[in-house]
């Protein structure tokens, strides 16, 4: 039988842990970006942005507010007044994770395209304005698309805009997660065929939301979104951000 002394010891330990949690300031983590992060409507399931599973890996002191939206570039996120409400709501100690590039680099979509110069300028705006509120910016390169060469080697799909994001991070000394590189490493581990398991790849008749099937190498399914969220979590820990102290269930998610 467990002794009364041991029961008391466990109770004291739990009380200390609870007290520590309550003493931590509650913060928000804002996610801004495009469809690869965004929460989805039910009629888009099983398409899943990595911001959706990302929410569940933090303790009760953290609220993840996913403001990412399909089809947005840095330019349209500003022009459509999606950034200003985030800035207005920011409190000291909050975080802003920003990942753009998919739509900024799409020259064929003039309503989204952002020149390299303006892309850097807009990222700089997000970072400096976040810091002006004593909040913490974290910059990410755009997550990779699934594209392999004839030898089964993963190809870069964001080389120019990922480079620009790295430059901004270095120039402004901001924490940087190279999600482009890390996600390519993951897809290479899965291989050309098995990496399909991470994306919105559906045969005709396989899912009622996509009766004609889907062959999408940009957007993730639930598994792919969770794997990308795990990469971001691992990088939060590697960067030794204060936010890392609030991560829970990380090992269970692997």
Protein backbone atom coordinates (compact mmCIF):
# COMPACT_ATOMS: atom_id res chain seq x y z
CA UNK A 1 0.00 0.00 0.00
CA UNK A 2 1.11 3.56 -0.65
CA UNK A 3 1.92 5.29 2.63
CA UNK A 4 0.21 8.43 3.84
CA UNK A 5 3.56 10.20 3.65
CA UNK A 6 3.88 9.35 -0.03
CA UNK A 7 0.37 10.62 -0.72
CA UNK A 8 1.23 13.89 1.00
CA UNK A 9 4.46 14.17 -1.01
CA UNK A 10 2.64 13.69 -4.30
CA UNK A 11 0.00 16.23 -3.29
CA UNK A 12 2.67 18.80 -2.41
CA UNK A 13 4.45 18.23 -5.74
CA UNK A 14 1.21 18.68 -7.69
CA UNK A 15 0.46 21.83 -5.74
CA UNK A 16 3.89 23.25 -6.58
CA UNK A 17 3.50 22.43 -10.28
CA UNK A 18 0.01 23.96 -10.35
CA UNK A 19 1.28 27.05 -8.57
CA UNK A 20 4.10 27.44 -11.11
CA UNK A 21 1.63 27.16 -13.99
CA UNK A 22 -0.69 29.73 -12.46
CA UNK A 23 2.22 32.14 -11.91
CA UNK A 24 3.16 32.06 -15.59
CA UNK A 25 1.66 34.90 -17.54
CA UNK A 26 -0.97 33.80 -20.02
CA UNK A 27 0.02 34.63 -23.58
CA UNK A 28 -1.26 34.31 -27.11
CA UNK A 29 0.57 32.87 -30.07
CA UNK A 30 -0.69 34.37 -33.32
CA UNK A 31 -0.17 32.52 -36.59
CA UNK A 32 -0.21 34.60 -39.77
CA UNK A 33 0.25 33.19 -43.23
CA UNK A 34 -1.45 31.25 -45.99
CA UNK A 35 -3.44 28.08 -46.63
CA UNK A 36 -0.65 25.75 -45.53
CA UNK A 37 -1.21 27.01 -41.96
CA UNK A 38 -4.88 28.00 -41.95
CA UNK A 39 -7.76 26.28 -40.19
CA UNK A 40 -10.19 24.77 -42.72
CA UNK A 41 -13.94 24.65 -43.14
CA UNK A 42 -15.58 21.20 -42.80
CA UNK A 43 -16.23 20.97 -46.53
CA UNK A 44 -12.46 21.08 -47.16
CA UNK A 45 -11.62 18.16 -44.84
CA UNK A 46 -9.29 16.23 -44.83
CA UNK A 47 -7.23 19.24 -45.99
CA UNK A 48 -5.52 20.54 -42.85
CA UNK A 49 -3.18 23.46 -42.21
CA UNK A 50 -0.35 22.83 -39.75
CA UNK A 51 -1.70 25.57 -37.52
CA UNK A 52 -4.64 23.35 -36.54
CA UNK A 53 -2.73 20.54 -34.76
CA UNK A 54 -0.16 23.08 -33.54
CA UNK A 55 -2.74 24.41 -31.06
CA UNK A 56 -2.93 21.29 -28.90
CA UNK A 57 0.72 21.02 -27.86
CA UNK A 58 0.80 23.83 -25.27
CA UNK A 59 -0.21 24.13 -21.64
CA UNK A 60 -3.14 26.19 -20.37
CA UNK A 61 -1.11 29.41 -20.27
CA UNK A 62 -1.02 29.54 -24.08
CA UNK A 63 -3.79 30.34 -26.53
CA UNK A 64 -3.00 29.83 -30.20
CA UNK A 65 -4.90 32.28 -32.40
CA UNK A 66 -4.66 31.15 -36.02
CA UNK A 67 -5.23 34.14 -38.32
CA UNK A 68 -3.71 32.52 -41.42
CA UNK A 69 -5.99 32.54 -44.44
CA UNK A 70 -6.08 30.74 -47.78
CA UNK A 71 -4.53 32.52 -50.74
CA UNK A 72 -2.88 35.34 -48.82
CA UNK A 73 0.50 36.86 -49.48
CA UNK A 74 2.29 39.38 -47.29
CA UNK A 75 0.84 42.13 -49.48
CA UNK A 76 -2.79 41.01 -49.34
CA UNK A 77 -2.57 40.15 -45.64
CA UNK A 78 -1.87 43.83 -45.10
CA UNK A 79 -4.15 45.31 -47.79
CA UNK A 80 -7.15 43.24 -46.68
CA UNK A 81 -6.74 44.51 -43.11
CA UNK A 82 -5.85 41.09 -41.71
CA UNK A 83 -2.66 42.28 -40.04
CA UNK A 84 -3.88 45.40 -38.25
CA UNK A 85 -6.32 43.53 -35.93
CA UNK A 86 -3.48 41.22 -34.87
CA UNK A 87 -1.23 44.20 -34.16
CA UNK A 88 -3.98 45.96 -32.20
CA UNK A 89 -4.56 42.87 -30.05
CA UNK A 90 -0.89 42.11 -29.30
CA UNK A 91 0.20 42.21 -25.67
CA UNK A 92 3.66 42.14 -24.16
CA UNK A 93 5.04 38.60 -24.21
CA UNK A 94 2.80 37.34 -27.02
CA UNK A 95 4.26 35.68 -30.12
CA UNK A 96 3.65 36.14 -33.83
CA UNK A 97 4.69 33.23 -36.07
CA UNK A 98 4.76 34.42 -39.68
CA UNK A 99 5.08 32.16 -42.72
CA UNK A 100 4.48 33.54 -46.20
CA UNK A 101 5.87 32.88 -49.66
CA UNK A 102 3.58 30.46 -51.49
CA UNK A 103 1.39 33.24 -52.82
CA UNK A 104 3.95 36.05 -52.81
CA UNK A 105 5.99 34.19 -55.44
CA UNK A 106 3.01 33.33 -57.70
CA UNK A 107 3.63 35.66 -60.64
CA UNK A 108 0.73 34.11 -62.58
CA UNK A 109 -1.67 35.24 -59.86
CA UNK A 110 -1.39 39.01 -60.03
CA UNK A 111 -3.91 39.50 -57.22
CA UNK A 112 -1.47 37.76 -54.84
CA UNK A 113 2.00 38.31 -56.25
CA UNK A 114 4.46 40.34 -54.21
CA UNK A 115 7.81 41.43 -55.60
CA UNK A 116 10.93 40.26 -53.75
CA UNK A 117 11.58 43.82 -52.56
CA UNK A 118 8.06 44.23 -51.20
CA UNK A 119 8.12 40.75 -49.66
CA UNK A 120 11.14 41.73 -47.57
CA UNK A 121 9.59 45.10 -46.77
CA UNK A 122 6.35 43.48 -45.59
CA UNK A 123 8.12 40.90 -43.44
CA UNK A 124 10.12 43.73 -41.91
CA UNK A 125 6.87 45.56 -41.16
CA UNK A 126 5.41 42.52 -39.38
CA UNK A 127 8.57 42.07 -37.31
CA UNK A 128 9.19 45.69 -36.32
CA UNK A 129 5.56 46.34 -35.47
CA UNK A 130 5.38 43.15 -33.41
CA UNK A 131 8.43 44.28 -31.47
CA UNK A 132 6.89 47.72 -30.98
CA UNK A 133 4.23 46.00 -28.84
CA UNK A 134 6.94 44.14 -26.86
CA UNK A 135 5.79 40.89 -28.43
CA UNK A 136 8.00 38.23 -30.01
CA UNK A 137 8.23 37.74 -33.79
CA UNK A 138 9.26 34.36 -35.19
CA UNK A 139 9.89 34.15 -38.94
CA UNK A 140 9.46 30.95 -40.95
CA UNK A 141 10.40 30.16 -44.53
CA UNK A 142 7.51 28.78 -46.62
CA UNK A 143 6.87 25.08 -46.13
CA UNK A 144 7.87 22.98 -49.14
CA UNK A 145 5.70 21.62 -51.89
CA UNK A 146 6.00 17.94 -52.78
CA UNK A 147 8.19 17.76 -55.88
CA UNK A 148 10.77 15.06 -56.65
CA UNK A 149 13.18 14.80 -59.55
CA UNK A 150 13.58 11.71 -61.76
CA UNK A 151 16.10 10.27 -59.29
CA UNK A 152 13.73 10.52 -56.35
CA UNK A 153 15.41 13.54 -54.79
CA UNK A 154 13.23 16.27 -53.30
CA UNK A 155 13.50 19.58 -55.17
CA UNK A 156 13.45 23.11 -53.83
CA UNK A 157 10.18 24.86 -54.62
CA UNK A 158 10.72 28.19 -52.82
CA UNK A 159 14.41 28.87 -53.34
CA UNK A 160 14.09 32.61 -53.99
CA UNK A 161 11.56 33.54 -51.30
CA UNK A 162 13.03 31.23 -48.66
CA UNK A 163 16.36 32.97 -49.23
CA UNK A 164 14.69 36.35 -48.79
CA UNK A 165 13.12 35.22 -45.50
CA UNK A 166 16.54 34.07 -44.27
CA UNK A 167 18.02 37.45 -45.20
CA UNK A 168 15.35 39.33 -43.26
CA UNK A 169 15.81 37.09 -40.23
CA UNK A 170 19.57 37.73 -40.25
CA UNK A 171 19.26 41.45 -40.86
CA UNK A 172 16.76 41.93 -38.02
CA UNK A 173 18.18 39.27 -35.70
CA UNK A 174 14.82 37.53 -35.39
CA UNK A 175 14.31 33.84 -34.47
CA UNK A 176 14.08 31.90 -37.72
CA UNK A 177 12.63 28.48 -38.50
CA UNK A 178 13.72 27.19 -41.89
CA UNK A 179 10.54 25.22 -42.46
CA UNK A 180 11.33 24.94 -46.17
CA UNK A 181 14.54 23.02 -45.51
CA UNK A 182 13.19 20.99 -42.58
CA UNK A 183 10.05 19.94 -44.44
CA UNK A 184 12.13 18.89 -47.46
CA UNK A 185 14.23 16.72 -45.19
CA UNK A 186 11.07 15.09 -43.87
CA UNK A 187 9.70 14.42 -47.36
CA UNK A 188 13.02 12.94 -48.42
CA UNK A 189 12.85 10.56 -45.47
CA UNK A 190 9.38 9.45 -46.52
CA UNK A 191 10.41 9.12 -50.16
CA UNK A 192 8.63 9.99 -53.38
CA UNK A 193 5.78 7.51 -53.00
CA UNK A 194 5.23 7.44 -49.24
CA UNK A 195 5.30 11.24 -49.00
CA UNK A 196 1.91 11.21 -50.72
CA UNK A 197 0.57 10.06 -47.36
CA UNK A 198 1.21 13.58 -46.00
CA UNK A 199 -0.70 15.50 -48.67
CA UNK A 200 -4.23 15.88 -49.93
CA UNK A 201 -4.03 12.88 -52.25
CA UNK A 202 -7.40 11.19 -52.80
CA UNK A 203 -8.69 8.73 -55.35
CA UNK A 204 -12.08 9.38 -57.00
CA UNK A 205 -14.86 8.38 -54.64
CA UNK A 206 -12.51 8.09 -51.65
CA UNK A 207 -13.94 11.10 -49.80
CA UNK A 208 -17.36 12.81 -50.14
CA UNK A 209 -15.76 16.28 -50.13
CA UNK A 210 -13.73 15.35 -53.22
CA UNK A 211 -15.88 12.97 -55.29
CA UNK A 212 -13.59 13.34 -58.30
CA UNK A 213 -10.47 12.80 -56.20
CA UNK A 214 -7.60 15.18 -55.51
CA UNK A 215 -3.93 15.30 -56.46
CA UNK A 216 -2.60 18.16 -54.34
CA UNK A 217 1.12 18.47 -53.60
CA UNK A 218 0.84 21.74 -51.68
CA UNK A 219 -1.80 21.19 -49.00
CA UNK A 220 -1.60 18.64 -46.21
CA UNK A 221 -3.95 16.06 -44.81
CA UNK A 222 -4.19 15.53 -41.03
CA UNK A 223 -1.02 13.46 -40.81
CA UNK A 224 1.02 15.88 -42.91
CA UNK A 225 -0.19 18.88 -40.92
CA UNK A 226 0.76 17.19 -37.66
CA UNK A 227 4.22 16.32 -38.97
CA UNK A 228 4.80 19.94 -40.00
CA UNK A 229 3.56 21.19 -36.63
CA UNK A 230 6.02 18.82 -34.95
CA UNK A 231 8.86 20.35 -36.94
CA UNK A 232 7.88 23.81 -35.74
CA UNK A 233 7.63 22.60 -32.14
CA UNK A 234 11.06 20.97 -32.33
CA UNK A 235 12.53 24.23 -33.66
CA UNK A 236 10.89 26.21 -30.85
CA UNK A 237 12.74 23.96 -28.43
CA UNK A 238 16.00 24.16 -30.41
CA UNK A 239 15.82 27.97 -30.47
CA UNK A 240 15.30 27.97 -26.70
CA UNK A 241 12.39 30.35 -26.92
CA UNK A 242 10.59 31.00 -23.65
CA UNK A 243 7.57 29.46 -25.36
CA UNK A 244 9.37 26.11 -25.26
CA UNK A 245 8.73 25.97 -21.50
CA UNK A 246 5.01 25.81 -22.25
CA UNK A 247 5.09 22.93 -24.71
CA UNK A 248 3.39 19.75 -23.51
CA UNK A 249 2.77 16.36 -25.11
CA UNK A 250 5.55 16.94 -27.64
CA UNK A 251 7.01 13.46 -27.19
CA UNK A 252 3.56 11.90 -27.42
CA UNK A 253 3.02 13.61 -30.75
CA UNK A 254 6.10 12.14 -32.40
